[in-house]
Amino acid sequence: MSQVLNFLQGHLLFHNFGAQNCGLSPSQLPHKSCFPNRKRVRIFLPQVNSKLVNHIEQSLPDNKAEACDRDELCSFPYVQTLSEFPKEELFRKVVMVRFDSSILLLGKKEYQSPPASALSTIKYLHDAGAKVILVGSWSRDINLGLSSAESAAEFLSSMLKLKVVPMKLVSRSTHSQMEYGENSDVLLLENLSEIKMELANCSKFAKELASGVDIFVNDAFSQSHKVLASTVGVACFCSACIAGFYFEEGLYQLKKITRTTNRPYVAIIGGRNLAGKAAALRFLASKCDALVFVGSMAFQIIHAMGVPVPVKLLELGALKEAVRIVESANSRNVPIVLPKDFWCMNDVFPEQMEIFSIDSMLDGWRPVDLGPLSLQKIIPLLSECKKILCIGPLKFSSSRQEEGGVSKLAEVLSSLIQSTCDVTFVGKMESGGLLRKSTSISVDNFVKNASVVWEFLKGKRLPGLMALDRAYPFDIKWDIAYADPMRPLVVDVGSGKFYMTVLIFFLNIVLVS
């Protein structure tokens, strides 16, 4: 439980930002002391410290309303991060790291320049003197040569320049033996992707996984939308649960999507499954200044606007949700930009490509890319933007066409980045192609796991994030607030029954500690 003292108008109020009691109501607070035999505590009247007031005002961010927004606080709780965790507290501690499987992609051609934080969490913990246990899940699709823990350990050893030793899932006693093991060894547990108890968030399995572990570091941001034993269950059995550097970086990119300080803000939306993403699209309609549909979902919106669309391009059950999205955008006067024409591929002769408008598309042809008229409509809109979110596959389907509409759109987005436009790409499908086409687009412009972003945009909380320890968002120097720790603690609770209840509850905690 973490107690945060928030100075407000000369009063010292008590707030609990703990994960377990964040919803505590006044009626649930204890009405009498849990320790009636404790000695009385003398309370002295406080004196207002002008230095403290000035310091707190300076420590708050410029946009106080945004920093203290309740909806944002629920979606993005302030969590403890490795960058703020005392480094000396890591020495000789057993630290379990849930690493992100993207680390195993670093040897592939399109991942020659990974984020610096991808491996830095593990190196930082090792350099701090911690005994590191790596836990993760990966499939053969990630890297064909890393099907076993032994091969993955060898690969990680070469990337980390450290000795990584594979080991089987072990009991508490074996974990405890790490305390006397070699400092240079980093342990890698076996692949969790095939273990059913991991996917079911089995409490017994999570307890076994966390046996002997002091600190849990979650660095698997791509798994934060799932409820897994290695990301959520283990948090109940570790003394500290914090976010690693890679997780923190992903969280920052996710927060950046919701910020609307740079306007105009336009979302370019690709992909399919409109019905499953309807809530997220309505959220974007409430945040953005325009919505540009370039993928298969564009046909569902076109159909909702009353324009005839070939039946083969429609998604079952999407019409009702598409109408709601259009109504949501119209209620805020948010324009919806749709393609006018398409490059289409012949079903029988795939090498044949023709341009069709939506109302002249012939049977036996399917759209694969944006046409020239569509680009003439989209590009002028994007050139006026200060912020762009590009989420989902841009093409309607796979195509060998190298100089089509999507390629030209990528060139435009690349030039906008050079002109200080804030562009974020979501989805690993797009990252490889766009990175190869432009040198101005860096990995910092990408959020590779689209599933996490879609779940967040739907208004859902991320279980992997919610399981981490809470932290206080502002930097306050407590030596200014209370220079002499040997003197009694002074609390001015004002008047009223509720404040007296809070005082009794708080003093009991102080006495216990």
Protein backbone atom coordinates (compact mmCIF):
# COMPACT_ATOMS: atom_id res chain seq x y z
CA MET A 1 0.00 0.00 0.00
CA SER A 2 1.40 3.36 -0.96
CA GLN A 3 0.30 6.54 0.80
CA VAL A 4 0.50 9.82 -1.02
CA LEU A 5 0.30 13.15 0.78
CA ASN A 6 -1.26 15.74 -1.47
CA PHE A 7 -0.98 19.29 -0.14
CA LEU A 8 -4.02 21.31 -1.11
CA GLN A 9 -4.99 24.72 0.28
CA GLY A 10 -2.93 24.27 3.43
CA HIS A 11 -4.45 20.87 4.32
CA LEU A 12 -2.68 17.54 4.20
CA LEU A 13 -5.08 15.06 2.64
CA PHE A 14 -4.62 11.31 2.53
CA HIS A 15 -5.05 9.42 -0.71
CA ASN A 16 -4.48 5.77 -1.48
CA PHE A 17 -3.22 5.01 -4.94
CA GLY A 18 -2.72 1.31 -4.15
CA ALA A 19 -3.90 -1.28 -6.64
CA GLN A 20 -6.11 -3.09 -4.16
CA ASN A 21 -7.85 -0.18 -2.42
CA CYS A 22 -8.16 2.44 -5.13
CA GLY A 23 -11.95 2.23 -4.96
CA LEU A 24 -12.23 2.52 -1.19
CA SER A 25 -15.29 4.51 -0.14
CA PRO A 26 -15.58 6.51 3.12
CA SER A 27 -17.95 3.92 4.57
CA GLN A 28 -15.29 1.23 4.13
CA LEU A 29 -12.69 3.07 6.16
CA PRO A 30 -12.30 1.84 9.76
CA HIS A 31 -14.27 3.86 12.31
CA LYS A 32 -12.09 2.90 15.25
CA SER A 33 -8.51 2.06 15.83
CA CYS A 34 -7.31 -1.41 14.94
CA PHE A 35 -4.73 -1.02 17.71
CA PRO A 36 -6.62 0.30 20.81
CA ASN A 37 -3.69 -0.35 23.15
CA ARG A 38 -1.34 1.99 21.32
CA LYS A 39 -0.07 5.06 23.13
CA ARG A 40 -1.59 8.39 22.30
CA VAL A 41 0.03 10.53 19.66
CA ARG A 42 0.33 14.26 20.24
CA ILE A 43 -0.73 16.36 17.28
CA PHE A 44 0.71 19.83 16.84
CA LEU A 45 -0.84 22.65 14.81
CA PRO A 46 1.02 23.07 11.52
CA GLN A 47 2.53 26.19 10.10
CA VAL A 48 2.02 26.94 6.43
CA ASN A 49 5.28 26.51 4.53
CA SER A 50 5.37 28.98 1.64
CA LYS A 51 8.42 27.25 0.12
CA LEU A 52 6.47 24.00 0.00
CA VAL A 53 3.48 25.60 -1.73
CA ASN A 54 5.72 27.22 -4.35
CA HIS A 55 7.64 23.98 -4.90
CA ILE A 56 4.46 21.94 -5.42
CA GLU A 57 3.07 24.47 -7.88
CA GLN A 58 6.31 24.33 -9.87
CA SER A 59 6.36 20.52 -9.83
CA LEU A 60 2.96 20.24 -11.48
CA PRO A 61 2.90 19.92 -15.28
CA ASP A 62 1.75 22.83 -17.41
CA ASN A 63 -1.47 21.12 -18.39
CA LYS A 64 -2.78 20.32 -14.92
CA ALA A 65 -6.24 19.45 -16.18
CA GLU A 66 -4.84 16.81 -18.52
CA ALA A 67 -2.50 15.38 -15.88
CA CYS A 68 -5.32 14.96 -13.37
CA ASP A 69 -8.01 13.80 -15.79
CA ARG A 70 -9.90 10.95 -14.13
CA ASP A 71 -10.59 9.03 -17.33
CA GLU A 72 -6.91 9.13 -18.28
CA LEU A 73 -5.92 8.11 -14.75
CA CYS A 74 -8.15 5.01 -15.01
CA SER A 75 -6.74 4.04 -18.42
CA PHE A 76 -3.16 5.08 -17.66
CA PRO A 77 -2.50 4.71 -13.94
CA TYR A 78 0.82 6.11 -12.82
CA VAL A 79 2.91 2.97 -12.35
CA GLN A 80 6.30 2.30 -10.84
CA THR A 81 8.98 2.12 -13.52
CA LEU A 82 12.50 0.74 -13.55
CA SER A 83 13.88 4.16 -14.44
CA GLU A 84 12.52 5.59 -11.16
CA PHE A 85 13.13 2.52 -8.99
CA PRO A 86 16.15 2.91 -6.63
CA LYS A 87 19.05 1.12 -8.29
CA GLU A 88 20.60 0.14 -4.96
CA GLU A 89 17.44 -1.82 -4.15
CA LEU A 90 18.21 -4.20 -7.02
CA PHE A 91 21.52 -5.43 -5.63
CA ARG A 92 21.47 -9.18 -4.89
CA LYS A 93 17.72 -9.31 -5.50
CA VAL A 94 16.13 -12.05 -7.60
CA VAL A 95 14.40 -10.20 -10.44
CA MET A 96 12.12 -11.93 -12.93
CA VAL A 97 11.79 -10.15 -16.29
CA ARG A 98 8.87 -10.90 -18.58
CA PHE A 99 10.62 -9.96 -21.81
CA ASP A 100 8.92 -9.06 -25.07
CA SER A 101 9.19 -11.61 -27.86
CA SER A 102 10.19 -8.82 -30.26
CA ILE A 103 13.71 -9.16 -28.82
CA LEU A 104 13.99 -12.43 -30.73
CA LEU A 105 13.28 -10.58 -33.98
CA LEU A 106 16.42 -8.47 -33.75
CA GLY A 107 18.36 -10.77 -36.05
CA LYS A 108 15.95 -10.31 -38.92
CA LYS A 109 16.74 -7.92 -41.76
CA GLU A 110 13.88 -5.49 -41.09
CA TYR A 111 14.89 -5.18 -37.44
CA GLN A 112 18.49 -4.04 -37.82
CA SER A 113 17.80 -0.90 -35.74
CA PRO A 114 15.72 -2.00 -32.74
CA PRO A 115 14.73 0.43 -29.96
CA ALA A 116 17.58 0.91 -27.51
CA SER A 117 15.28 -0.19 -24.67
CA ALA A 118 14.67 -3.66 -26.17
CA LEU A 119 17.67 -5.17 -24.39
CA SER A 120 18.62 -2.39 -21.98
CA THR A 121 16.25 -3.59 -19.23
CA ILE A 122 18.11 -6.88 -18.87
CA LYS A 123 21.55 -5.26 -19.07
CA TYR A 124 20.61 -2.60 -16.53
CA LEU A 125 19.39 -5.18 -14.00
CA HIS A 126 22.48 -7.33 -14.47
CA ASP A 127 24.81 -4.34 -14.05
CA ALA A 128 22.93 -3.37 -10.88
CA GLY A 129 23.86 -6.72 -9.32
CA ALA A 130 20.46 -8.40 -9.60
CA LYS A 131 19.98 -12.11 -10.24
CA VAL A 132 17.96 -12.06 -13.45
CA ILE A 133 15.44 -14.69 -14.55
CA LEU A 134 14.00 -14.27 -18.05
CA VAL A 135 10.47 -15.45 -18.78
CA GLY A 136 8.80 -15.25 -22.18
CA SER A 137 6.78 -16.90 -24.90
CA TRP A 138 7.64 -17.20 -28.56
CA SER A 139 6.61 -19.24 -31.57
CA ARG A 140 8.46 -20.60 -34.57
CA ASP A 141 6.86 -17.83 -36.63
CA ILE A 142 8.99 -15.26 -34.76
CA ASN A 143 12.29 -16.90 -35.60
CA LEU A 144 12.53 -20.35 -37.16
CA GLY A 145 15.86 -21.05 -35.51
CA LEU A 146 14.62 -20.42 -31.96
CA SER A 147 12.23 -23.29 -31.38
CA SER A 148 13.84 -24.36 -28.09
CA ALA A 149 14.95 -22.56 -24.94
CA GLU A 150 18.54 -23.63 -25.64
CA SER A 151 18.61 -21.94 -29.05
CA ALA A 152 16.84 -18.85 -27.66
CA ALA A 153 19.38 -18.65 -24.82
CA GLU A 154 22.25 -18.83 -27.29
CA PHE A 155 20.67 -16.07 -29.39
CA LEU A 156 20.08 -13.83 -26.35
CA SER A 157 23.65 -14.41 -25.18
CA SER A 158 24.95 -13.05 -28.47
CA MET A 159 22.64 -10.03 -28.34
CA LEU A 160 23.19 -9.20 -24.66
CA LYS A 161 26.91 -10.07 -24.57
CA LEU A 162 26.07 -11.96 -21.37
CA LYS A 163 25.91 -15.62 -20.48
CA VAL A 164 22.27 -16.78 -20.69
CA VAL A 165 21.60 -20.25 -19.28
CA PRO A 166 18.38 -22.14 -20.17
CA MET A 167 16.53 -23.97 -17.42
CA LYS A 168 13.28 -25.84 -16.87
CA LEU A 169 10.40 -24.55 -14.80
CA VAL A 170 11.53 -25.07 -11.25
CA SER A 171 10.26 -25.12 -7.70
CA ARG A 172 10.78 -22.48 -5.02
CA SER A 173 13.81 -24.29 -3.60
CA THR A 174 15.63 -24.26 -6.93
CA HIS A 175 14.82 -20.59 -7.41
CA SER A 176 16.24 -19.85 -3.99
CA GLN A 177 19.53 -21.44 -4.94
CA MET A 178 20.08 -18.52 -7.31
CA GLU A 179 21.10 -16.46 -4.32
CA TYR A 180 24.31 -18.44 -4.18
CA GLY A 181 24.75 -18.83 -7.91
CA GLU A 182 27.15 -17.05 -10.22
CA ASN A 183 26.48 -13.36 -10.67
CA SER A 184 27.31 -13.47 -14.37
CA ASP A 185 24.57 -15.94 -15.30
CA VAL A 186 21.18 -14.84 -16.61
CA LEU A 187 18.61 -17.64 -16.47
CA LEU A 188 16.04 -18.25 -19.21
CA LEU A 189 13.00 -20.36 -18.36
CA GLU A 190 11.44 -22.57 -20.99
CA ASN A 191 8.97 -21.28 -23.58
CA LEU A 192 5.57 -20.52 -22.00
CA SER A 193 3.60 -20.34 -25.26
CA GLU A 194 2.55 -23.99 -25.10
CA ILE A 195 1.65 -24.07 -21.40
CA LYS A 196 -2.11 -23.93 -20.82
CA MET A 197 -1.75 -22.69 -17.24
CA GLU A 198 0.04 -19.61 -18.58
CA LEU A 199 -2.83 -18.72 -20.89
CA ALA A 200 -5.41 -19.44 -18.17
CA ASN A 201 -3.62 -17.24 -15.61
CA CYS A 202 -3.53 -20.17 -13.20
CA SER A 203 -2.81 -18.90 -9.69
CA LYS A 204 -0.96 -22.07 -8.69
CA PHE A 205 1.26 -21.86 -11.75
CA ALA A 206 1.87 -18.13 -11.20
CA LYS A 207 2.90 -18.80 -7.60
CA GLU A 208 5.34 -21.48 -8.74
CA LEU A 209 6.69 -19.15 -11.41
CA ALA A 210 7.29 -16.40 -8.84
CA SER A 211 8.85 -18.67 -6.21
CA GLY A 212 11.90 -17.03 -4.70
CA VAL A 213 11.45 -13.87 -6.79
CA ASP A 214 11.78 -10.50 -5.07
CA ILE A 215 10.95 -8.09 -7.90
CA PHE A 216 8.90 -8.59 -11.06
CA VAL A 217 9.71 -6.45 -14.11
CA ASN A 218 7.18 -6.49 -16.95
CA ASP A 219 8.82 -5.59 -20.25
CA ALA A 220 6.30 -7.35 -22.52
CA PHE A 221 4.17 -4.42 -23.64
CA SER A 222 2.87 -6.39 -26.63
CA GLN A 223 1.20 -8.80 -24.17
CA SER A 224 -0.29 -6.12 -21.90
CA HIS A 225 -3.80 -6.61 -23.33
CA LYS A 226 -3.84 -10.27 -22.24
CA VAL A 227 -4.42 -11.85 -18.83
CA LEU A 228 -1.47 -14.22 -18.44
CA ALA A 229 0.10 -15.91 -15.45
CA SER A 230 3.50 -14.43 -16.33
CA THR A 231 2.22 -10.84 -16.57
CA VAL A 232 -0.78 -10.62 -14.22
CA GLY A 233 -0.79 -13.66 -11.93
CA VAL A 234 2.80 -13.32 -10.71
CA ALA A 235 2.13 -9.76 -9.49
CA CYS A 236 0.32 -11.17 -6.45
CA PHE A 237 3.42 -13.03 -5.26
CA CYS A 238 6.21 -10.45 -5.69
CA SER A 239 7.13 -7.65 -3.31
CA ALA A 240 7.46 -5.16 -6.17
CA CYS A 241 6.02 -5.12 -9.70
CA ILE A 242 7.43 -2.48 -12.03
CA ALA A 243 7.56 -1.60 -15.73
CA GLY A 244 10.76 -2.13 -17.68
CA PHE A 245 12.29 0.34 -20.14
CA TYR A 246 10.67 -1.30 -23.18
CA PHE A 247 7.26 -1.40 -21.49
CA GLU A 248 7.58 2.23 -20.46
CA GLU A 249 8.46 3.21 -24.02
CA GLY A 250 5.40 1.41 -25.38
CA LEU A 251 3.21 3.07 -22.77
CA TYR A 252 4.54 6.48 -23.77
CA GLN A 253 3.72 5.81 -27.43
CA LEU A 254 0.21 4.72 -26.48
CA LYS A 255 -0.34 7.87 -24.43
CA LYS A 256 0.88 9.96 -27.35
CA ILE A 257 -1.98 8.68 -29.50
CA THR A 258 -4.59 10.18 -27.18
CA ARG A 259 -2.95 13.60 -26.88
CA THR A 260 -4.64 16.23 -29.01
CA THR A 261 -2.36 19.21 -28.43
CA ASN A 262 -1.16 19.15 -32.06
CA ARG A 263 -3.97 19.92 -34.48
CA PRO A 264 -5.26 19.21 -37.04
CA TYR A 265 -5.15 15.55 -35.95
CA VAL A 266 -6.13 12.98 -38.60
CA ALA A 267 -6.44 9.19 -38.33
CA ILE A 268 -5.73 7.02 -41.38
CA ILE A 269 -7.53 3.72 -40.79
CA GLY A 270 -6.90 0.49 -42.65
CA GLY A 271 -7.69 -3.17 -42.21
CA ARG A 272 -10.96 -5.03 -41.78
CA ASN A 273 -13.36 -6.24 -39.04
CA LEU A 274 -15.23 -2.98 -38.55
CA ALA A 275 -17.80 -4.52 -36.19
CA GLY A 276 -15.09 -5.66 -33.77
CA LYS A 277 -13.35 -2.27 -33.82
CA ALA A 278 -16.44 -0.03 -33.82
CA ALA A 279 -15.92 1.25 -30.27
CA ALA A 280 -12.33 2.21 -31.11
CA LEU A 281 -13.43 4.02 -34.27
CA ARG A 282 -16.03 6.01 -32.34
CA PHE A 283 -13.30 6.98 -29.88
CA LEU A 284 -11.12 8.22 -32.74
CA ALA A 285 -14.09 10.19 -34.05
CA SER A 286 -14.25 11.94 -30.68
CA LYS A 287 -10.53 12.80 -30.69
CA CYS A 288 -9.57 13.47 -34.31
CA ASP A 289 -10.39 16.27 -36.72
CA ALA A 290 -10.88 13.89 -39.66
CA LEU A 291 -11.04 10.14 -40.36
CA VAL A 292 -9.49 8.73 -43.53
CA PHE A 293 -10.48 5.14 -44.40
CA VAL A 294 -8.11 3.41 -46.83
CA GLY A 295 -8.57 -0.30 -46.08
CA SER A 296 -11.39 -2.81 -46.34
CA MET A 297 -13.37 -0.94 -43.69
CA ALA A 298 -13.81 1.88 -46.21
CA PHE A 299 -16.38 -0.20 -48.09
CA GLN A 300 -18.46 -0.64 -44.93
CA ILE A 301 -18.55 3.14 -44.39
CA ILE A 302 -19.36 3.74 -48.07
CA HIS A 303 -22.23 1.24 -47.77
CA ALA A 304 -23.50 2.98 -44.60
CA MET A 305 -23.66 6.26 -46.55
CA GLY A 306 -26.06 4.68 -49.04
CA VAL A 307 -23.65 4.05 -51.90
CA PRO A 308 -24.01 0.61 -53.57
CA VAL A 309 -21.05 -1.68 -52.85
CA PRO A 310 -20.38 -5.16 -54.30
CA VAL A 311 -21.64 -7.79 -51.87
CA LYS A 312 -18.29 -9.60 -51.83
CA LEU A 313 -16.69 -6.52 -50.24
CA LEU A 314 -19.16 -6.23 -47.35
CA GLU A 315 -18.63 -7.65 -43.86
CA LEU A 316 -21.48 -9.53 -42.23
CA GLY A 317 -23.12 -7.53 -39.43
CA ALA A 318 -21.05 -4.39 -40.00
CA LEU A 319 -23.75 -2.09 -41.40
CA LYS A 320 -25.32 -1.11 -38.06
CA GLU A 321 -21.96 -0.26 -36.50
CA ALA A 322 -20.85 1.61 -39.62
CA VAL A 323 -23.96 3.80 -39.41
CA ARG A 324 -23.20 4.58 -35.75
CA ILE A 325 -19.65 5.59 -36.64
CA VAL A 326 -20.91 7.94 -39.36
CA GLU A 327 -23.45 9.45 -36.95
CA SER A 328 -20.77 9.87 -34.26
CA ALA A 329 -18.49 11.70 -36.69
CA ASN A 330 -21.32 13.89 -38.01
CA SER A 331 -22.30 14.90 -34.47
CA ARG A 332 -18.85 16.52 -34.07
CA ASN A 333 -18.62 17.75 -37.67
CA VAL A 334 -15.68 15.42 -38.23
CA PRO A 335 -15.28 14.76 -41.97
CA ILE A 336 -14.93 11.17 -43.17
CA VAL A 337 -12.66 10.88 -46.21
CA LEU A 338 -13.20 7.81 -48.41
CA PRO A 339 -11.43 6.51 -51.53
CA LYS A 340 -12.90 7.48 -54.90
CA ASP A 341 -11.12 4.90 -57.04
CA PHE A 342 -9.00 1.78 -56.66
CA TRP A 343 -6.35 -0.25 -58.37
CA CYS A 344 -8.00 -3.64 -58.93
CA MET A 345 -6.53 -7.04 -59.70
CA ASN A 346 -8.08 -9.59 -62.02
CA ASP A 347 -9.03 -12.78 -60.17
CA VAL A 348 -8.09 -15.00 -63.12
CA PHE A 349 -5.04 -13.10 -64.39
CA PRO A 350 -3.38 -11.52 -61.32
CA GLU A 351 -0.85 -9.66 -63.45
CA GLN A 352 -3.65 -7.54 -64.95
CA MET A 353 -4.32 -4.30 -63.05
CA GLU A 354 -7.02 -1.72 -63.79
CA ILE A 355 -8.43 1.39 -62.11
CA PHE A 356 -12.12 1.35 -61.16
CA SER A 357 -14.36 3.72 -59.25
CA ILE A 358 -16.55 2.27 -56.51
CA ASP A 359 -19.68 2.36 -58.69
CA SER A 360 -18.06 0.88 -61.80
CA MET A 361 -16.22 -2.14 -60.38
CA LEU A 362 -16.73 -5.24 -62.53
CA ASP A 363 -17.16 -8.83 -61.43
CA GLY A 364 -13.91 -10.78 -61.38
CA TRP A 365 -11.89 -7.81 -60.12
CA ARG A 366 -10.90 -7.05 -56.54
CA PRO A 367 -9.43 -3.84 -55.08
CA VAL A 368 -5.84 -3.99 -53.85
CA ASP A 369 -4.66 -0.38 -53.67
CA LEU A 370 -5.68 3.28 -53.72
CA GLY A 371 -6.26 4.95 -57.08
CA PRO A 372 -4.95 8.35 -58.27
CA LEU A 373 -8.21 10.23 -57.59
CA SER A 374 -8.20 8.92 -54.02
CA LEU A 375 -4.69 10.26 -53.49
CA GLN A 376 -5.66 13.64 -54.94
CA LYS A 377 -8.34 13.82 -52.25
CA ILE A 378 -6.28 12.52 -49.31
CA ILE A 379 -2.86 14.15 -49.78
CA PRO A 380 -4.00 17.82 -49.56
CA LEU A 381 -5.78 17.01 -46.29
CA LEU A 382 -2.68 15.37 -44.80
CA SER A 383 -0.39 18.23 -45.84
CA GLU A 384 -2.24 20.54 -43.41
CA CYS A 385 -1.96 18.17 -40.43
CA LYS A 386 0.23 18.52 -37.37
CA LYS A 387 -0.49 15.00 -36.13
CA ILE A 388 -1.35 11.77 -37.98
CA LEU A 389 -2.21 8.31 -36.68
CA CYS A 390 -1.86 5.56 -39.28
CA ILE A 391 -3.39 2.34 -37.92
CA GLY A 392 -3.99 -0.93 -39.74
CA PRO A 393 -2.87 -2.28 -43.15
CA LEU A 394 -3.07 0.41 -45.82
CA LYS A 395 -3.55 -1.94 -48.75
CA PHE A 396 -6.81 -3.79 -49.28
CA SER A 397 -4.93 -7.04 -49.95
CA SER A 398 -1.51 -8.29 -50.98
CA SER A 399 -0.22 -6.92 -54.25
CA ARG A 400 3.05 -7.02 -56.17
CA GLN A 401 2.51 -3.44 -57.32
CA GLU A 402 5.44 -1.36 -56.09
CA GLU A 403 4.44 2.09 -57.35
CA GLY A 404 0.79 2.11 -56.29
CA GLY A 405 -1.19 4.46 -54.10
CA VAL A 406 0.12 3.17 -50.78
CA SER A 407 3.73 3.68 -51.89
CA LYS A 408 2.99 7.28 -52.83
CA LEU A 409 1.12 7.76 -49.56
CA ALA A 410 4.19 6.48 -47.70
CA GLU A 411 6.35 9.04 -49.50
CA VAL A 412 3.97 11.82 -48.44
CA LEU A 413 3.99 10.68 -44.82
CA SER A 414 7.78 10.51 -44.89
CA SER A 415 8.02 14.11 -46.11
CA LEU A 416 5.54 15.21 -43.43
CA ILE A 417 7.76 13.68 -40.72
CA GLN A 418 10.66 15.75 -42.03
CA SER A 419 8.46 18.84 -41.71
CA THR A 420 7.93 18.15 -37.96
CA CYS A 421 4.51 16.53 -38.34
CA ASP A 422 3.92 13.96 -35.57
CA VAL A 423 3.22 10.69 -37.42
CA THR A 424 2.61 7.38 -35.62
CA PHE A 425 2.28 4.04 -37.42
CA VAL A 426 0.50 1.20 -35.64
CA GLY A 427 1.01 -2.40 -36.72
CA LYS A 428 4.07 -4.52 -37.50
CA MET A 429 2.70 -5.32 -40.97
CA GLU A 430 3.30 -1.74 -42.07
CA SER A 431 6.59 -1.13 -40.29
CA GLY A 432 8.77 -3.34 -42.49
CA GLY A 433 7.56 -1.90 -45.83
CA LEU A 434 7.57 1.73 -44.80
CA LEU A 435 10.96 1.54 -43.11
CA ARG A 436 12.50 0.16 -46.27
CA LYS A 437 10.94 2.95 -48.36
CA SER A 438 12.13 5.88 -46.27
CA THR A 439 15.15 6.77 -44.19
CA SER A 440 13.35 9.60 -42.35
CA ILE A 441 10.93 7.19 -40.64
CA SER A 442 12.51 5.72 -37.52
CA VAL A 443 11.35 2.96 -35.20
CA ASP A 444 10.23 5.67 -32.80
CA ASN A 445 7.33 6.34 -35.18
CA PHE A 446 6.00 2.80 -34.75
CA VAL A 447 3.85 0.93 -32.27
CA LYS A 448 4.36 -2.59 -33.58
CA ASN A 449 1.56 -4.39 -31.71
CA ALA A 450 -1.76 -3.19 -33.11
CA SER A 451 -3.83 -5.44 -30.81
CA VAL A 452 -2.77 -3.47 -27.72
CA VAL A 453 -3.69 -0.18 -29.38
CA TRP A 454 -7.08 -1.41 -30.61
CA GLU A 455 -7.97 -2.76 -27.17
CA PHE A 456 -7.05 0.54 -25.56
CA LEU A 457 -8.99 2.57 -28.13
CA LYS A 458 -12.03 0.41 -27.36
CA GLY A 459 -11.92 1.79 -23.83
CA LYS A 460 -10.61 -1.38 -22.20
CA ARG A 461 -8.00 -1.38 -19.46
CA LEU A 462 -4.80 -3.26 -20.13
CA PRO A 463 -4.45 -6.09 -17.55
CA GLY A 464 -0.66 -6.16 -17.79
CA LEU A 465 -0.53 -2.46 -16.97
CA MET A 466 -3.12 -2.55 -14.19
CA ALA A 467 -1.16 -5.30 -12.37
CA LEU A 468 1.87 -3.04 -11.81
CA ASP A 469 2.55 -1.05 -8.64
CA ARG A 470 1.20 2.49 -8.53
CA ALA A 471 3.43 5.56 -8.34
CA TYR A 472 2.91 9.23 -7.63
CA PRO A 473 2.94 11.35 -10.83
CA PHE A 474 4.60 14.51 -9.50
CA ASP A 475 8.11 15.09 -8.21
CA ILE A 476 7.92 16.64 -4.73
CA LYS A 477 10.96 17.17 -2.51
CA TRP A 478 9.71 15.99 0.85
CA ASP A 479 12.68 17.47 2.71
CA ILE A 480 11.06 20.85 2.04
CA ALA A 481 7.73 19.63 3.37
CA TYR A 482 9.19 18.03 6.49
CA ALA A 483 12.80 18.94 7.12
CA ASP A 484 13.10 17.23 10.54
CA PRO A 485 11.92 13.60 10.42
CA MET A 486 12.51 13.20 14.17
CA ARG A 487 9.66 15.53 15.03
CA PRO A 488 6.05 14.28 15.27
CA LEU A 489 4.03 14.16 12.06
CA VAL A 490 1.56 17.04 11.80
CA VAL A 491 -1.74 16.47 10.01
CA ASP A 492 -4.43 19.14 9.64
CA VAL A 493 -7.59 17.26 8.72
CA GLY A 494 -9.92 20.23 8.97
CA SER A 495 -13.32 19.42 10.37
CA GLY A 496 -15.98 16.84 9.69
CA LYS A 497 -16.58 13.19 10.49
CA PHE A 498 -14.96 11.90 7.31
CA TYR A 499 -11.68 13.77 7.89
CA MET A 500 -11.49 12.47 11.47
CA THR A 501 -11.99 8.92 10.17
CA VAL A 502 -9.17 9.43 7.67
CA LEU A 503 -6.95 10.81 10.45
CA ILE A 504 -7.50 7.78 12.69
CA PHE A 505 -6.89 5.40 9.79
CA PHE A 506 -3.70 7.22 8.75
CA LEU A 507 -2.26 7.43 12.28
CA ASN A 508 -2.75 3.69 12.76
CA ILE A 509 -0.67 3.07 9.64
CA VAL A 510 2.05 5.41 10.90
CA LEU A 511 2.15 3.65 14.27
CA VAL A 512 2.44 0.23 12.64
CA SER A 513 5.28 1.37 10.40
